[in-house]
Amino acid sequence: MVGIEYRWGGRAPQTGFDCSGLVVHAFERAWGLALPHSTLAQSKAGKAVRRGDLRPGDLIFYNTRRRPYSHVGIYLGEGRFVHAPRRGAKVRIESMRKPYWRKRFNGARRIDNDSH
């Protein structure tokens, strides 16, 4: 999905994605799991994971709008995540180690068939 345009409320490659829509689409396609289209609701799904215990596929949450859990991405491993950042941007891969992301980290969740 890297390169797909951002679109608020979007949840399909043909129309674009917002951050939570990208997560909904990825989990539905990859694992057949239906997640809510809301970062706050997604932040309550699954089980909490510490930053040091992240595994590929875990959801990572950020405070990007002066409120907790206002942004979500999917952890890829090696300190990288994929996300739909904002209007005018495209789905991309970024490093969690960048200062912007480090100071806005809110937590992470692991979603599996037994915990959603």
Protein backbone atom coordinates (compact mmCIF):
# COMPACT_ATOMS: atom_id res chain seq x y z
CA MET A 1 0.00 0.00 0.00
CA VAL A 2 3.05 2.27 0.10
CA GLY A 3 2.46 5.19 -2.26
CA ILE A 4 -1.35 5.26 -1.95
CA GLU A 5 -2.73 8.78 -1.36
CA TYR A 6 -3.98 9.84 2.05
CA ARG A 7 -7.71 10.43 2.27
CA TRP A 8 -9.58 11.21 5.48
CA GLY A 9 -12.03 8.38 6.14
CA GLY A 10 -10.44 6.29 3.38
CA ARG A 11 -10.11 2.55 3.71
CA ALA A 12 -9.39 1.22 0.20
CA PRO A 13 -6.44 1.48 -2.18
CA GLN A 14 -8.71 2.79 -4.94
CA THR A 15 -9.86 5.77 -2.87
CA GLY A 16 -6.97 6.30 -0.45
CA PHE A 17 -6.39 5.68 3.23
CA ASP A 18 -6.35 7.51 6.50
CA CYS A 19 -4.19 5.98 9.22
CA SER A 20 -6.86 3.80 10.82
CA GLY A 21 -8.32 2.87 7.43
CA LEU A 22 -4.94 1.52 6.36
CA VAL A 23 -4.89 -0.66 9.48
CA VAL A 24 -8.47 -1.88 8.86
CA HIS A 25 -7.61 -2.78 5.26
CA ALA A 26 -4.33 -4.51 6.11
CA PHE A 27 -5.76 -6.66 8.90
CA GLU A 28 -8.83 -7.61 6.86
CA ARG A 29 -6.76 -8.61 3.81
CA ALA A 30 -3.89 -10.30 5.63
CA TRP A 31 -5.69 -12.08 8.47
CA GLY A 32 -9.42 -11.72 7.86
CA LEU A 33 -9.80 -9.68 11.06
CA ALA A 34 -12.35 -6.88 11.27
CA LEU A 35 -11.05 -3.91 13.28
CA PRO A 36 -12.88 -0.67 14.05
CA HIS A 37 -12.13 2.37 11.88
CA SER A 38 -11.06 4.56 14.79
CA THR A 39 -7.61 4.97 16.30
CA LEU A 40 -9.07 5.22 19.79
CA ALA A 41 -11.06 2.00 19.37
CA GLN A 42 -8.05 0.27 17.81
CA SER A 43 -5.96 1.35 20.82
CA LYS A 44 -8.23 -0.77 23.03
CA ALA A 45 -8.16 -3.90 20.83
CA GLY A 46 -5.78 -6.77 21.42
CA LYS A 47 -3.16 -6.77 24.14
CA ALA A 48 -0.78 -4.03 25.25
CA VAL A 49 2.85 -4.45 24.13
CA ARG A 50 5.92 -2.64 25.47
CA ARG A 51 8.03 -0.78 22.91
CA GLY A 52 10.94 -3.16 23.52
CA ASP A 53 8.73 -6.19 22.77
CA LEU A 54 7.33 -5.05 19.42
CA ARG A 55 6.90 -7.60 16.65
CA PRO A 56 5.99 -7.04 13.00
CA GLY A 57 2.24 -6.55 12.69
CA ASP A 58 1.80 -4.80 16.04
CA LEU A 59 -0.11 -1.53 16.02
CA ILE A 60 1.77 1.51 17.27
CA PHE A 61 0.02 4.66 18.44
CA TYR A 62 1.03 8.29 18.56
CA ASN A 63 -0.26 11.59 19.92
CA THR A 64 -0.09 13.79 16.81
CA ARG A 65 -3.09 16.05 17.48
CA ARG A 66 -2.60 16.92 21.12
CA ARG A 67 -4.69 13.94 22.15
CA PRO A 68 -3.63 10.39 22.92
CA TYR A 69 -4.05 7.73 20.26
CA SER A 70 -4.71 10.19 17.44
CA HIS A 71 -2.48 8.32 14.96
CA VAL A 72 -1.74 4.65 14.26
CA GLY A 73 0.73 2.70 12.15
CA ILE A 74 1.78 -0.91 11.69
CA TYR A 75 5.16 -1.98 13.02
CA LEU A 76 7.36 -3.64 10.38
CA GLY A 77 10.42 -4.54 12.44
CA GLU A 78 13.84 -2.95 12.84
CA GLY A 79 12.31 0.24 14.24
CA ARG A 80 10.22 0.94 11.12
CA PHE A 81 6.48 1.34 10.63
CA VAL A 82 4.07 1.95 7.78
CA HIS A 83 1.34 4.57 8.03
CA ALA A 84 -0.87 7.04 6.19
CA PRO A 85 0.50 10.31 7.59
CA ARG A 86 -1.75 13.24 6.60
CA ARG A 87 -3.54 15.12 3.82
CA GLY A 88 -1.27 15.76 0.86
CA ALA A 89 0.96 12.80 1.70
CA LYS A 90 1.09 9.14 0.72
CA VAL A 91 1.33 5.91 2.68
CA ARG A 92 4.99 5.51 3.61
CA ILE A 93 7.50 3.72 5.78
CA GLU A 94 9.24 5.69 8.53
CA SER A 95 11.59 5.14 11.42
CA MET A 96 10.20 5.15 14.96
CA ARG A 97 13.59 6.49 15.99
CA LYS A 98 13.00 9.93 14.49
CA PRO A 99 12.64 12.50 17.28
CA TYR A 100 9.14 13.48 16.09
CA TRP A 101 7.86 9.93 16.52
CA ARG A 102 9.88 9.11 19.65
CA LYS A 103 8.35 11.90 21.70
CA ARG A 104 4.77 11.24 20.51
CA PHE A 105 4.69 7.46 21.10
CA ASN A 106 1.56 6.43 23.08
CA GLY A 107 1.85 2.67 23.13
CA ALA A 108 1.34 -0.46 21.12
CA ARG A 109 -1.16 -3.30 20.81
CA ARG A 110 -0.87 -6.83 19.48
CA ILE A 111 -3.91 -8.07 17.60
CA ASP A 112 -4.51 -11.77 17.04
CA ASN A 113 -7.49 -14.00 16.44
CA ASP A 114 -8.05 -14.40 20.18
CA SER A 115 -7.63 -10.79 21.26
CA HIS A 116 -9.59 -8.53 18.88
